[in-house]
PDB file of N, CA and C in Angstrom:
ATOM      1  N   MET A   1      -4.477  59.188  53.395  1.00  0.00           N
ATOM      2  CA  MET A   1      -4.152  60.429  52.825  1.00  0.00           C
ATOM      3  C   MET A   1      -2.677  61.128  53.236  1.00  0.00           C
ATOM      4  N   PHE A   2      -1.979  61.641  52.296  1.00  0.00           N
ATOM      5  CA  PHE A   2      -0.744  62.165  52.742  1.00  0.00           C
ATOM      6  C   PHE A   2      -0.776  63.777  53.153  1.00  0.00           C
ATOM      7  N   PRO A   3       0.002  63.888  54.087  1.00  0.00           N
ATOM      8  CA  PRO A   3       0.169  65.256  54.743  1.00  0.00           C
ATOM      9  C   PRO A   3       0.729  66.223  53.772  1.00  0.00           C
ATOM     10  N   THR A   4       0.312  67.305  53.683  1.00  0.00           N
ATOM     11  CA  THR A   4       0.499  68.366  52.686  1.00  0.00           C
ATOM     12  C   THR A   4       1.824  68.679  52.718  1.00  0.00           C
ATOM     13  N   GLU A   5       2.536  68.708  54.073  1.00  0.00           N
ATOM     14  CA  GLU A   5       3.934  69.034  54.400  1.00  0.00           C
ATOM     15  C   GLU A   5       4.359  68.125  55.376  1.00  0.00           C
ATOM     16  N   PHE A   6       5.636  68.076  55.402  1.00  0.00           N
ATOM     17  CA  PHE A   6       6.239  67.053  56.559  1.00  0.00           C
ATOM     18  C   PHE A   6       6.847  68.089  57.245  1.00  0.00           C
ATOM     19  N   ARG A   7       6.936  67.577  58.559  1.00  0.00           N
ATOM     20  CA  ARG A   7       7.646  68.230  59.560  1.00  0.00           C
ATOM     21  C   ARG A   7       8.603  67.181  60.480  1.00  0.00           C
ATOM     22  N   LEU A   8       9.522  67.888  61.094  1.00  0.00           N
ATOM     23  CA  LEU A   8      10.502  67.046  61.887  1.00  0.00           C
ATOM     24  C   LEU A   8       9.404  66.330  63.000  1.00  0.00           C
ATOM     25  N   GLY A   9       9.810  65.052  63.326  1.00  0.00           N
ATOM     26  CA  GLY A   9       9.086  64.577  64.365  1.00  0.00           C
ATOM     27  C   GLY A   9       8.100  63.559  63.899  1.00  0.00           C
ATOM     28  N   ASP A  10       7.572  64.084  62.638  1.00  0.00           N
ATOM     29  CA  ASP A  10       6.220  63.354  62.159  1.00  0.00           C
ATOM     30  C   ASP A  10       6.445  61.737  61.957  1.00  0.00           C
ATOM     31  N   THR A  11       5.362  61.195  62.180  1.00  0.00           N
ATOM     32  CA  THR A  11       5.506  59.842  62.094  1.00  0.00           C
ATOM     33  C   THR A  11       4.942  59.212  60.444  1.00  0.00           C
ATOM     34  N   ILE A  12       6.078  58.338  59.987  1.00  0.00           N
ATOM     35  CA  ILE A  12       5.507  57.788  58.347  1.00  0.00           C
ATOM     36  C   ILE A  12       5.795  56.489  58.114  1.00  0.00           C
ATOM     37  N   ASP A  13       5.444  55.583  57.253  1.00  0.00           N
ATOM     38  CA  ASP A  13       5.783  54.521  57.118  1.00  0.00           C
ATOM     39  C   ASP A  13       7.064  54.466  56.054  1.00  0.00           C
ATOM     40  N   ASP A  14       7.825  53.849  56.155  1.00  0.00           N
ATOM     41  CA  ASP A  14       8.857  53.392  55.422  1.00  0.00           C
ATOM     42  C   ASP A  14       9.464  51.988  55.715  1.00  0.00           C
ATOM     43  N   PHE A  15      10.372  51.324  54.643  1.00  0.00           N
ATOM     44  CA  PHE A  15      10.970  50.350  54.440  1.00  0.00           C
ATOM     45  C   PHE A  15      12.275  50.359  55.420  1.00  0.00           C
ATOM     46  N   CYS A  16      12.260  49.587  56.551  1.00  0.00           N
ATOM     47  CA  CYS A  16      13.391  49.690  57.563  1.00  0.00           C
ATOM     48  C   CYS A  16      14.561  48.481  56.653  1.00  0.00           C
ATOM     49  N   VAL A  17      15.825  49.287  56.608  1.00  0.00           N
ATOM     50  CA  VAL A  17      16.905  48.403  56.201  1.00  0.00           C
ATOM     51  C   VAL A  17      17.350  47.376  57.235  1.00  0.00           C
ATOM     52  N   LYS A  18      17.353  47.591  58.428  1.00  0.00           N
ATOM     53  CA  LYS A  18      17.717  46.546  59.409  1.00  0.00           C
ATOM     54  C   LYS A  18      16.680  45.728  59.773  1.00  0.00           C
ATOM     55  N   CYS A  19      15.577  46.016  60.151  1.00  0.00           N
ATOM     56  CA  CYS A  19      14.341  45.224  60.455  1.00  0.00           C
ATOM     57  C   CYS A  19      13.896  44.398  59.015  1.00  0.00           C
ATOM     58  N   LYS A  20      14.183  44.835  58.034  1.00  0.00           N
ATOM     59  CA  LYS A  20      13.591  44.284  56.662  1.00  0.00           C
ATOM     60  C   LYS A  20      12.298  44.111  56.447  1.00  0.00           C
ATOM     61  N   ARG A  21      11.526  45.328  56.925  1.00  0.00           N
ATOM     62  CA  ARG A  21      10.313  45.166  56.470  1.00  0.00           C
ATOM     63  C   ARG A  21       9.503  46.602  56.933  1.00  0.00           C
ATOM     64  N   LEU A  22       8.645  46.807  56.489  1.00  0.00           N
ATOM     65  CA  LEU A  22       7.678  48.180  56.415  1.00  0.00           C
ATOM     66  C   LEU A  22       7.568  48.651  57.858  1.00  0.00           C
ATOM     67  N   THR A  23       7.612  49.565  58.476  1.00  0.00           N
ATOM     68  CA  THR A  23       7.545  50.093  59.934  1.00  0.00           C
ATOM     69  C   THR A  23       7.394  51.599  60.105  1.00  0.00           C
ATOM     70  N   ASN A  24       6.760  51.946  61.235  1.00  0.00           N
ATOM     71  CA  ASN A  24       6.577  53.404  61.170  1.00  0.00           C
ATOM     72  C   ASN A  24       8.083  53.908  61.572  1.00  0.00           C
ATOM     73  N   HIS A  25       8.471  55.432  61.035  1.00  0.00           N
ATOM     74  CA  HIS A  25       9.436  55.857  61.244  1.00  0.00           C
ATOM     75  C   HIS A  25       9.186  57.452  61.667  1.00  0.00           C
ATOM     76  N   ASN A  26      10.259  58.038  62.156  1.00  0.00           N
ATOM     77  CA  ASN A  26      10.000  59.255  62.628  1.00  0.00           C
ATOM     78  C   ASN A  26      10.929  60.358  61.748  1.00  0.00           C
ATOM     79  N   ILE A  27      10.566  61.218  61.344  1.00  0.00           N
ATOM     80  CA  ILE A  27      11.397  62.275  60.275  1.00  0.00           C
ATOM     81  C   ILE A  27      12.435  62.894  61.391  1.00  0.00           C
ATOM     82  N   VAL A  28      13.740  62.716  61.120  1.00  0.00           N
ATOM     83  CA  VAL A  28      14.957  63.264  61.690  1.00  0.00           C
ATOM     84  C   VAL A  28      15.486  64.553  60.916  1.00  0.00           C
ATOM     85  N   SER A  29      15.128  64.420  59.531  1.00  0.00           N
ATOM     86  CA  SER A  29      16.016  65.361  58.688  1.00  0.00           C
ATOM     87  C   SER A  29      15.103  65.494  57.592  1.00  0.00           C
ATOM     88  N   LEU A  30      14.891  67.028  56.991  1.00  0.00           N
ATOM     89  CA  LEU A  30      14.488  67.376  55.753  1.00  0.00           C
ATOM     90  C   LEU A  30      15.426  67.857  54.867  1.00  0.00           C
ATOM     91  N   ASN A  31      14.881  67.456  53.453  1.00  0.00           N
ATOM     92  CA  ASN A  31      15.701  68.142  52.575  1.00  0.00           C
ATOM     93  C   ASN A  31      14.646  68.897  51.630  1.00  0.00           C
ATOM     94  N   GLY A  32      14.447  70.180  51.670  1.00  0.00           N
ATOM     95  CA  GLY A  32      13.350  70.913  51.358  1.00  0.00           C
ATOM     96  C   GLY A  32      12.132  70.643  51.819  1.00  0.00           C
ATOM     97  N   PRO A  33      11.142  70.331  51.248  1.00  0.00           N
ATOM     98  CA  PRO A  33       9.753  69.708  51.843  1.00  0.00           C
ATOM     99  C   PRO A  33       9.849  68.384  51.892  1.00  0.00           C
ATOM    100  N   ASP A  34      10.566  67.367  51.429  1.00  0.00           N
ATOM    101  CA  ASP A  34      10.545  66.155  51.619  1.00  0.00           C
ATOM    102  C   ASP A  34      11.486  65.558  52.737  1.00  0.00           C
ATOM    103  N   PRO A  35      11.180  64.422  53.221  1.00  0.00           N
ATOM    104  CA  PRO A  35      11.991  63.696  54.431  1.00  0.00           C
ATOM    105  C   PRO A  35      13.214  63.124  53.599  1.00  0.00           C
ATOM    106  N   ALA A  36      14.419  63.544  54.391  1.00  0.00           N
ATOM    107  CA  ALA A  36      15.946  62.938  54.008  1.00  0.00           C
ATOM    108  C   ALA A  36      16.134  61.837  54.710  1.00  0.00           C
ATOM    109  N   LYS A  37      16.307  61.983  55.972  1.00  0.00           N
ATOM    110  CA  LYS A  37      16.584  60.910  56.921  1.00  0.00           C
ATOM    111  C   LYS A  37      15.321  60.502  57.956  1.00  0.00           C
ATOM    112  N   VAL A  38      15.297  59.043  58.185  1.00  0.00           N
ATOM    113  CA  VAL A  38      14.110  58.635  59.127  1.00  0.00           C
ATOM    114  C   VAL A  38      14.885  57.809  60.210  1.00  0.00           C
ATOM    115  N   ARG A  39      14.139  57.634  61.278  1.00  0.00           N
ATOM    116  CA  ARG A  39      14.465  56.802  62.293  1.00  0.00           C
ATOM    117  C   ARG A  39      13.322  55.722  62.636  1.00  0.00           C
ATOM    118  N   CYS A  40      13.860  54.447  62.431  1.00  0.00           N
ATOM    119  CA  CYS A  40      12.682  53.402  62.705  1.00  0.00           C
ATOM    120  C   CYS A  40      12.021  53.641  64.301  1.00  0.00           C
ATOM    121  N   CYS A  41      10.784  53.258  64.446  1.00  0.00           N
ATOM    122  CA  CYS A  41      10.522  53.388  65.714  1.00  0.00           C
ATOM    123  C   CYS A  41      10.489  51.736  66.385  1.00  0.00           C
ATOM    124  N   THR A  42      11.010  50.931  65.591  1.00  0.00           N
ATOM    125  CA  THR A  42      11.221  49.837  66.384  1.00  0.00           C
ATOM    126  C   THR A  42      12.452  49.366  66.600  1.00  0.00           C
ATOM    127  N   CYS A  43      13.568  49.501  65.707  1.00  0.00           N
ATOM    128  CA  CYS A  43      14.982  49.355  65.923  1.00  0.00           C
ATOM    129  C   CYS A  43      15.849  50.638  66.623  1.00  0.00           C
ATOM    130  N   TYR A  44      15.046  51.549  66.180  1.00  0.00           N
ATOM    131  CA  TYR A  44      15.676  52.877  66.317  1.00  0.00           C
ATOM    132  C   TYR A  44      16.955  53.247  65.379  1.00  0.00           C
ATOM    133  N   SER A  45      17.202  52.570  64.389  1.00  0.00           N
ATOM    134  CA  SER A  45      18.039  52.650  63.291  1.00  0.00           C
ATOM    135  C   SER A  45      17.990  53.871  62.444  1.00  0.00           C
ATOM    136  N   ASP A  46      18.754  54.838  62.028  1.00  0.00           N
ATOM    137  CA  ASP A  46      18.660  56.066  61.116  1.00  0.00           C
ATOM    138  C   ASP A  46      19.231  55.490  59.595  1.00  0.00           C
ATOM    139  N   HIS A  47      18.056  55.972  58.894  1.00  0.00           N
ATOM    140  CA  HIS A  47      18.618  55.570  57.533  1.00  0.00           C
ATOM    141  C   HIS A  47      17.867  56.496  56.392  1.00  0.00           C
ATOM    142  N   ASP A  48      18.474  56.623  55.212  1.00  0.00           N
ATOM    143  CA  ASP A  48      17.721  57.346  54.243  1.00  0.00           C
ATOM    144  C   ASP A  48      16.227  57.268  54.134  1.00  0.00           C
ATOM    145  N   TYR A  49      15.562  58.131  53.739  1.00  0.00           N
ATOM    146  CA  TYR A  49      13.982  57.687  53.367  1.00  0.00           C
ATOM    147  C   TYR A  49      13.812  57.102  52.109  1.00  0.00           C
ATOM    148  N   LEU A  50      13.234  55.972  52.108  1.00  0.00           N
ATOM    149  CA  LEU A  50      13.349  55.288  51.143  1.00  0.00           C
ATOM    150  C   LEU A  50      11.826  55.123  50.111  1.00  0.00           C
ATOM    151  N   ARG A  51      10.995  55.859  50.640  1.00  0.00           N
ATOM    152  CA  ARG A  51       9.756  56.176  50.083  1.00  0.00           C
ATOM    153  C   ARG A  51       9.145  54.768  49.902  1.00  0.00           C
ATOM    154  N   GLU A  52       9.082  53.845  51.088  1.00  0.00           N
ATOM    155  CA  GLU A  52       8.435  52.847  51.201  1.00  0.00           C
ATOM    156  C   GLU A  52       8.722  51.642  50.244  1.00  0.00           C
ATOM    157  N   ILE A  53       9.735  51.797  49.664  1.00  0.00           N
ATOM    158  CA  ILE A  53      10.299  50.818  48.593  1.00  0.00           C
ATOM    159  C   ILE A  53      11.389  50.059  48.996  1.00  0.00           C
ATOM    160  N   ALA A  54      11.450  48.672  49.063  1.00  0.00           N
ATOM    161  CA  ALA A  54      12.488  48.102  49.519  1.00  0.00           C
ATOM    162  C   ALA A  54      13.718  48.015  48.449  1.00  0.00           C
ATOM    163  N   PRO A  55      14.843  48.168  48.999  1.00  0.00           N
ATOM    164  CA  PRO A  55      16.008  48.160  48.052  1.00  0.00           C
ATOM    165  C   PRO A  55      16.124  47.015  47.393  1.00  0.00           C
ATOM    166  N   PRO A  56      16.557  46.924  46.229  1.00  0.00           N
ATOM    167  CA  PRO A  56      16.881  45.746  45.230  1.00  0.00           C
ATOM    168  C   PRO A  56      17.803  44.803  46.095  1.00  0.00           C
ATOM    169  N   PRO A  57      17.675  43.538  46.117  1.00  0.00           N
ATOM    170  CA  PRO A  57      18.632  42.475  46.627  1.00  0.00           C
ATOM    171  C   PRO A  57      19.923  42.629  46.065  1.00  0.00           C
ATOM    172  N   LYS A  58      20.733  42.394  46.902  1.00  0.00           N
ATOM    173  CA  LYS A  58      22.170  42.424  46.379  1.00  0.00           C
ATOM    174  C   LYS A  58      22.555  41.105  45.541  1.00  0.00           C
ATOM    175  N   PRO A  59      23.295  41.191  44.268  1.00  0.00           N
ATOM    176  CA  PRO A  59      23.641  39.937  43.479  1.00  0.00           C
ATOM    177  C   PRO A  59      24.302  38.910  44.289  1.00  0.00           C
ATOM    178  N   ARG A  60      23.986  37.853  44.164  1.00  0.00           N
ATOM    179  CA  ARG A  60      24.706  36.619  44.790  1.00  0.00           C
ATOM    180  C   ARG A  60      25.974  36.290  44.076  1.00  0.00           C
ATOM    181  N   LYS A  61      26.994  35.995  44.913  1.00  0.00           N
ATOM    182  CA  LYS A  61      28.449  35.665  44.340  1.00  0.00           C
ATOM    183  C   LYS A  61      28.193  34.085  43.608  1.00  0.00           C
ATOM    184  N   ALA A  62      28.969  33.887  42.435  1.00  0.00           N
ATOM    185  CA  ALA A  62      28.812  32.439  42.157  1.00  0.00           C
ATOM    186  C   ALA A  62      29.608  31.488  42.757  1.00  0.00           C
ATOM    187  N   ALA A  63      29.040  30.408  43.110  1.00  0.00           N
ATOM    188  CA  ALA A  63      29.602  29.269  43.789  1.00  0.00           C
ATOM    189  C   ALA A  63      31.071  28.770  42.925  1.00  0.00           C
ATOM    190  N   SER A  64      31.875  28.825  43.659  1.00  0.00           N
ATOM    191  CA  SER A  64      33.329  28.304  42.835  1.00  0.00           C
ATOM    192  C   SER A  64      33.626  26.599  42.937  1.00  0.00           C
TER     193      SER A  64
END
């Protein structure tokens, strides 16, 4: 069940761009009622809230 409103310091799940997996995060910034920035509870890196969705992979360069 999702909370009706988010507060600074709340713990939520999100995809960590450094750990490359879904982990617990603390909310560090809000944009209106929604989280804007989060901090990973595993590696302590800050990043934009990704809404639990992994970013698309970077395109590979063709071998020369």
